[in-house]
Amino acid sequence: LYRRINMPKHWWKSKTLWLNIIGAIFAIVQGLSGNAWIKPEYQVLILTLGNTILRFITTQPIGK
């Protein structure tokens, strides 16, 4: 199949962006509820590792 490389993609197709949106929502819900389901240190570790992994497999930039 023909694959367009380095062509901008729509923002909603970005796995990295979705990981960060979900992480932010999770942090807000945890903060508002007052319950720390996952320790903050682990949350940062999970998001950092997830972002790093997704960055290495990313092939297209996000369009404007």
PDB file of N, CA and C in Angstrom:
ATOM      1  N   LEU A   1       0.826  -1.194   0.000  1.00  0.00           N
ATOM      2  CA  LEU A   1       0.000   0.000   0.000  1.00  0.00           C
ATOM      3  C   LEU A   1       0.865   1.251   0.000  1.00  0.00           C
ATOM      4  N   TYR A   2       0.389   2.257  -0.661  1.00  0.00           N
ATOM      5  CA  TYR A   2       1.091   3.537  -0.706  1.00  0.00           C
ATOM      6  C   TYR A   2       0.880   4.248   0.626  1.00  0.00           C
ATOM      7  N   ARG A   3       1.964   4.697   1.232  1.00  0.00           N
ATOM      8  CA  ARG A   3       1.880   5.390   2.515  1.00  0.00           C
ATOM      9  C   ARG A   3       2.518   6.768   2.387  1.00  0.00           C
ATOM     10  N   ARG A   4       1.757   7.784   2.735  1.00  0.00           N
ATOM     11  CA  ARG A   4       2.288   9.140   2.688  1.00  0.00           C
ATOM     12  C   ARG A   4       3.108   9.393   3.947  1.00  0.00           C
ATOM     13  N   ILE A   5       4.385   9.643   3.765  1.00  0.00           N
ATOM     14  CA  ILE A   5       5.263   9.885   4.903  1.00  0.00           C
ATOM     15  C   ILE A   5       5.465  11.385   5.068  1.00  0.00           C
ATOM     16  N   ASN A   6       5.457  11.825   6.296  1.00  0.00           N
ATOM     17  CA  ASN A   6       5.634  13.229   6.672  1.00  0.00           C
ATOM     18  C   ASN A   6       4.514  14.132   6.188  1.00  0.00           C
ATOM     19  N   MET A   7       3.369  13.563   5.903  1.00  0.00           N
ATOM     20  CA  MET A   7       2.199  14.371   5.598  1.00  0.00           C
ATOM     21  C   MET A   7       1.476  14.614   6.913  1.00  0.00           C
ATOM     22  N   PRO A   8       1.039  15.840   7.163  1.00  0.00           N
ATOM     23  CA  PRO A   8       0.354  16.122   8.429  1.00  0.00           C
ATOM     24  C   PRO A   8      -0.914  15.283   8.587  1.00  0.00           C
ATOM     25  N   LYS A   9      -1.178  14.867   9.820  1.00  0.00           N
ATOM     26  CA  LYS A   9      -2.397  14.116  10.103  1.00  0.00           C
ATOM     27  C   LYS A   9      -3.272  14.968  11.008  1.00  0.00           C
ATOM     28  N   HIS A  10      -4.531  14.595  11.093  1.00  0.00           N
ATOM     29  CA  HIS A  10      -5.457  15.308  11.964  1.00  0.00           C
ATOM     30  C   HIS A  10      -5.077  15.059  13.420  1.00  0.00           C
ATOM     31  N   TRP A  11      -5.315  16.049  14.272  1.00  0.00           N
ATOM     32  CA  TRP A  11      -4.896  15.951  15.665  1.00  0.00           C
ATOM     33  C   TRP A  11      -5.555  14.776  16.377  1.00  0.00           C
ATOM     34  N   TRP A  12      -6.778  14.438  16.027  1.00  0.00           N
ATOM     35  CA  TRP A  12      -7.475  13.366  16.737  1.00  0.00           C
ATOM     36  C   TRP A  12      -6.932  11.973  16.404  1.00  0.00           C
ATOM     37  N   LYS A  13      -6.018  11.881  15.446  1.00  0.00           N
ATOM     38  CA  LYS A  13      -5.388  10.600  15.111  1.00  0.00           C
ATOM     39  C   LYS A  13      -4.057  10.406  15.831  1.00  0.00           C
ATOM     40  N   SER A  14      -3.685  11.340  16.688  1.00  0.00           N
ATOM     41  CA  SER A  14      -2.403  11.284  17.393  1.00  0.00           C
ATOM     42  C   SER A  14      -2.525  10.463  18.681  1.00  0.00           C
ATOM     43  N   LYS A  15      -1.843   9.334  18.731  1.00  0.00           N
ATOM     44  CA  LYS A  15      -1.847   8.498  19.938  1.00  0.00           C
ATOM     45  C   LYS A  15      -1.163   9.218  21.099  1.00  0.00           C
ATOM     46  N   THR A  16      -0.118   9.971  20.794  1.00  0.00           N
ATOM     47  CA  THR A  16       0.608  10.701  21.834  1.00  0.00           C
ATOM     48  C   THR A  16      -0.299  11.755  22.470  1.00  0.00           C
ATOM     49  N   LEU A  17      -1.030  12.474  21.651  1.00  0.00           N
ATOM     50  CA  LEU A  17      -1.940  13.493  22.165  1.00  0.00           C
ATOM     51  C   LEU A  17      -3.025  12.859  23.019  1.00  0.00           C
ATOM     52  N   TRP A  18      -3.597  11.746  22.569  1.00  0.00           N
ATOM     53  CA  TRP A  18      -4.642  11.062  23.330  1.00  0.00           C
ATOM     54  C   TRP A  18      -4.119  10.536  24.661  1.00  0.00           C
ATOM     55  N   LEU A  19      -2.899  10.025  24.676  1.00  0.00           N
ATOM     56  CA  LEU A  19      -2.306   9.567  25.937  1.00  0.00           C
ATOM     57  C   LEU A  19      -2.236  10.722  26.931  1.00  0.00           C
ATOM     58  N   ASN A  20      -1.813  11.890  26.471  1.00  0.00           N
ATOM     59  CA  ASN A  20      -1.698  13.051  27.350  1.00  0.00           C
ATOM     60  C   ASN A  20      -3.062  13.586  27.784  1.00  0.00           C
ATOM     61  N   ILE A  21      -4.048  13.562  26.906  1.00  0.00           N
ATOM     62  CA  ILE A  21      -5.405  14.000  27.269  1.00  0.00           C
ATOM     63  C   ILE A  21      -5.977  13.073  28.334  1.00  0.00           C
ATOM     64  N   ILE A  22      -5.826  11.766  28.141  1.00  0.00           N
ATOM     65  CA  ILE A  22      -6.330  10.794  29.119  1.00  0.00           C
ATOM     66  C   ILE A  22      -5.600  10.957  30.450  1.00  0.00           C
ATOM     67  N   GLY A  23      -4.283  11.171  30.387  1.00  0.00           N
ATOM     68  CA  GLY A  23      -3.511  11.393  31.610  1.00  0.00           C
ATOM     69  C   GLY A  23      -3.979  12.633  32.359  1.00  0.00           C
ATOM     70  N   ALA A  24      -4.267  13.703  31.632  1.00  0.00           N
ATOM     71  CA  ALA A  24      -4.734  14.939  32.265  1.00  0.00           C
ATOM     72  C   ALA A  24      -6.112  14.746  32.894  1.00  0.00           C
ATOM     73  N   ILE A  25      -7.007  14.074  32.177  1.00  0.00           N
ATOM     74  CA  ILE A  25      -8.348  13.805  32.721  1.00  0.00           C
ATOM     75  C   ILE A  25      -8.248  12.951  33.983  1.00  0.00           C
ATOM     76  N   PHE A  26      -7.407  11.922  33.923  1.00  0.00           N
ATOM     77  CA  PHE A  26      -7.209  11.048  35.074  1.00  0.00           C
ATOM     78  C   PHE A  26      -6.703  11.843  36.276  1.00  0.00           C
ATOM     79  N   ALA A  27      -5.743  12.722  36.059  1.00  0.00           N
ATOM     80  CA  ALA A  27      -5.179  13.530  37.146  1.00  0.00           C
ATOM     81  C   ALA A  27      -6.229  14.484  37.727  1.00  0.00           C
ATOM     82  N   ILE A  28      -7.046  15.080  36.868  1.00  0.00           N
ATOM     83  CA  ILE A  28      -8.095  16.001  37.336  1.00  0.00           C
ATOM     84  C   ILE A  28      -9.130  15.253  38.171  1.00  0.00           C
ATOM     85  N   VAL A  29      -9.581  14.096  37.670  1.00  0.00           N
ATOM     86  CA  VAL A  29     -10.575  13.308  38.403  1.00  0.00           C
ATOM     87  C   VAL A  29     -10.013  12.865  39.749  1.00  0.00           C
ATOM     88  N   GLN A  30      -8.772  12.412  39.759  1.00  0.00           N
ATOM     89  CA  GLN A  30      -8.135  12.009  41.016  1.00  0.00           C
ATOM     90  C   GLN A  30      -8.034  13.181  41.981  1.00  0.00           C
ATOM     91  N   GLY A  31      -7.661  14.338  41.465  1.00  0.00           N
ATOM     92  CA  GLY A  31      -7.541  15.522  42.315  1.00  0.00           C
ATOM     93  C   GLY A  31      -8.865  15.965  42.894  1.00  0.00           C
ATOM     94  N   LEU A  32      -9.916  15.931  42.086  1.00  0.00           N
ATOM     95  CA  LEU A  32     -11.232  16.348  42.549  1.00  0.00           C
ATOM     96  C   LEU A  32     -11.834  15.351  43.531  1.00  0.00           C
ATOM     97  N   SER A  33     -11.542  14.077  43.351  1.00  0.00           N
ATOM     98  CA  SER A  33     -12.109  13.053  44.234  1.00  0.00           C
ATOM     99  C   SER A  33     -11.337  12.940  45.549  1.00  0.00           C
ATOM    100  N   GLY A  34     -10.087  13.375  45.548  1.00  0.00           N
ATOM    101  CA  GLY A  34      -9.278  13.290  46.753  1.00  0.00           C
ATOM    102  C   GLY A  34      -8.669  11.914  46.979  1.00  0.00           C
ATOM    103  N   ASN A  35      -8.880  10.996  46.044  1.00  0.00           N
ATOM    104  CA  ASN A  35      -8.317   9.649  46.154  1.00  0.00           C
ATOM    105  C   ASN A  35      -7.167   9.490  45.172  1.00  0.00           C
ATOM    106  N   ALA A  36      -6.033   9.052  45.684  1.00  0.00           N
ATOM    107  CA  ALA A  36      -4.887   8.798  44.808  1.00  0.00           C
ATOM    108  C   ALA A  36      -4.855   7.312  44.478  1.00  0.00           C
ATOM    109  N   TRP A  37      -5.498   6.925  43.378  1.00  0.00           N
ATOM    110  CA  TRP A  37      -5.549   5.520  42.978  1.00  0.00           C
ATOM    111  C   TRP A  37      -4.167   5.024  42.584  1.00  0.00           C
ATOM    112  N   ILE A  38      -3.422   5.899  41.950  1.00  0.00           N
ATOM    113  CA  ILE A  38      -2.045   5.593  41.573  1.00  0.00           C
ATOM    114  C   ILE A  38      -1.188   6.732  42.119  1.00  0.00           C
ATOM    115  N   LYS A  39      -0.078   6.390  42.761  1.00  0.00           N
ATOM    116  CA  LYS A  39       0.794   7.422  43.316  1.00  0.00           C
ATOM    117  C   LYS A  39       1.262   8.361  42.201  1.00  0.00           C
ATOM    118  N   PRO A  40       1.387   9.665  42.507  1.00  0.00           N
ATOM    119  CA  PRO A  40       1.814  10.637  41.495  1.00  0.00           C
ATOM    120  C   PRO A  40       3.143  10.274  40.828  1.00  0.00           C
ATOM    121  N   GLU A  41       4.083   9.688  41.590  1.00  0.00           N
ATOM    122  CA  GLU A  41       5.370   9.303  41.000  1.00  0.00           C
ATOM    123  C   GLU A  41       5.176   8.278  39.887  1.00  0.00           C
ATOM    124  N   TYR A  42       4.257   7.353  40.115  1.00  0.00           N
ATOM    125  CA  TYR A  42       3.989   6.314  39.113  1.00  0.00           C
ATOM    126  C   TYR A  42       3.244   6.882  37.905  1.00  0.00           C
ATOM    127  N   GLN A  43       2.376   7.848  38.160  1.00  0.00           N
ATOM    128  CA  GLN A  43       1.654   8.493  37.056  1.00  0.00           C
ATOM    129  C   GLN A  43       2.638   9.174  36.110  1.00  0.00           C
ATOM    130  N   VAL A  44       3.589   9.896  36.683  1.00  0.00           N
ATOM    131  CA  VAL A  44       4.597  10.577  35.870  1.00  0.00           C
ATOM    132  C   VAL A  44       5.426   9.557  35.101  1.00  0.00           C
ATOM    133  N   LEU A  45       5.808   8.477  35.752  1.00  0.00           N
ATOM    134  CA  LEU A  45       6.586   7.428  35.098  1.00  0.00           C
ATOM    135  C   LEU A  45       5.814   6.809  33.933  1.00  0.00           C
ATOM    136  N   ILE A  46       4.550   6.495  34.137  1.00  0.00           N
ATOM    137  CA  ILE A  46       3.719   5.891  33.089  1.00  0.00           C
ATOM    138  C   ILE A  46       3.600   6.833  31.894  1.00  0.00           C
ATOM    139  N   LEU A  47       3.295   8.112  32.158  1.00  0.00           N
ATOM    140  CA  LEU A  47       3.151   9.071  31.063  1.00  0.00           C
ATOM    141  C   LEU A  47       4.471   9.301  30.327  1.00  0.00           C
ATOM    142  N   THR A  48       5.561   9.375  31.076  1.00  0.00           N
ATOM    143  CA  THR A  48       6.873   9.586  30.449  1.00  0.00           C
ATOM    144  C   THR A  48       7.247   8.411  29.557  1.00  0.00           C
ATOM    145  N   LEU A  49       7.085   7.194  30.062  1.00  0.00           N
ATOM    146  CA  LEU A  49       7.394   6.011  29.257  1.00  0.00           C
ATOM    147  C   LEU A  49       6.476   5.914  28.040  1.00  0.00           C
ATOM    148  N   GLY A  50       5.182   6.179  28.248  1.00  0.00           N
ATOM    149  CA  GLY A  50       4.232   6.129  27.139  1.00  0.00           C
ATOM    150  C   GLY A  50       4.570   7.141  26.057  1.00  0.00           C
ATOM    151  N   ASN A  51       4.888   8.368  26.464  1.00  0.00           N
ATOM    152  CA  ASN A  51       5.258   9.406  25.496  1.00  0.00           C
ATOM    153  C   ASN A  51       6.539   9.046  24.751  1.00  0.00           C
ATOM    154  N   THR A  52       7.504   8.490  25.472  1.00  0.00           N
ATOM    155  CA  THR A  52       8.771   8.115  24.839  1.00  0.00           C
ATOM    156  C   THR A  52       8.562   7.015  23.808  1.00  0.00           C
ATOM    157  N   ILE A  53       7.813   5.994  24.171  1.00  0.00           N
ATOM    158  CA  ILE A  53       7.538   4.887  23.244  1.00  0.00           C
ATOM    159  C   ILE A  53       6.784   5.394  22.013  1.00  0.00           C
ATOM    160  N   LEU A  54       5.732   6.194  22.241  1.00  0.00           N
ATOM    161  CA  LEU A  54       4.957   6.698  21.109  1.00  0.00           C
ATOM    162  C   LEU A  54       5.779   7.635  20.230  1.00  0.00           C
ATOM    163  N   ARG A  55       6.697   8.369  20.820  1.00  0.00           N
ATOM    164  CA  ARG A  55       7.547   9.276  20.031  1.00  0.00           C
ATOM    165  C   ARG A  55       8.427   8.492  19.069  1.00  0.00           C
ATOM    166  N   PHE A  56       8.925   7.330  19.499  1.00  0.00           N
ATOM    167  CA  PHE A  56       9.774   6.530  18.641  1.00  0.00           C
ATOM    168  C   PHE A  56       9.008   5.882  17.491  1.00  0.00           C
ATOM    169  N   ILE A  57       7.708   5.656  17.656  1.00  0.00           N
ATOM    170  CA  ILE A  57       6.952   5.014  16.574  1.00  0.00           C
ATOM    171  C   ILE A  57       6.168   6.019  15.722  1.00  0.00           C
ATOM    172  N   THR A  58       6.258   7.298  16.075  1.00  0.00           N
ATOM    173  CA  THR A  58       5.553   8.343  15.318  1.00  0.00           C
ATOM    174  C   THR A  58       6.252   8.593  13.989  1.00  0.00           C
ATOM    175  N   THR A  59       5.470   8.653  12.918  1.00  0.00           N
ATOM    176  CA  THR A  59       6.050   8.920  11.596  1.00  0.00           C
ATOM    177  C   THR A  59       5.480  10.178  10.945  1.00  0.00           C
ATOM    178  N   GLN A  60       4.374  10.686  11.465  1.00  0.00           N
ATOM    179  CA  GLN A  60       3.742  11.838  10.834  1.00  0.00           C
ATOM    180  C   GLN A  60       3.545  12.979  11.825  1.00  0.00           C
ATOM    181  N   PRO A  61       3.732  14.213  11.379  1.00  0.00           N
ATOM    182  CA  PRO A  61       3.448  15.352  12.249  1.00  0.00           C
ATOM    183  C   PRO A  61       1.929  15.615  12.298  1.00  0.00           C
ATOM    184  N   ILE A  62       1.517  16.395  13.268  1.00  0.00           N
ATOM    185  CA  ILE A  62       0.118  16.805  13.359  1.00  0.00           C
ATOM    186  C   ILE A  62      -0.049  18.053  12.503  1.00  0.00           C
ATOM    187  N   GLY A  63      -1.135  18.096  11.735  1.00  0.00           N
ATOM    188  CA  GLY A  63      -1.404  19.252  10.879  1.00  0.00           C
ATOM    189  C   GLY A  63      -1.971  20.411  11.684  1.00  0.00           C
ATOM    190  N   LYS A  64      -2.063  21.544  11.033  1.00  0.00           N
ATOM    191  CA  LYS A  64      -2.581  22.742  11.693  1.00  0.00           C
ATOM    192  C   LYS A  64      -4.082  22.757  11.712  1.00  0.00           C
TER     193      LYS A  64
END
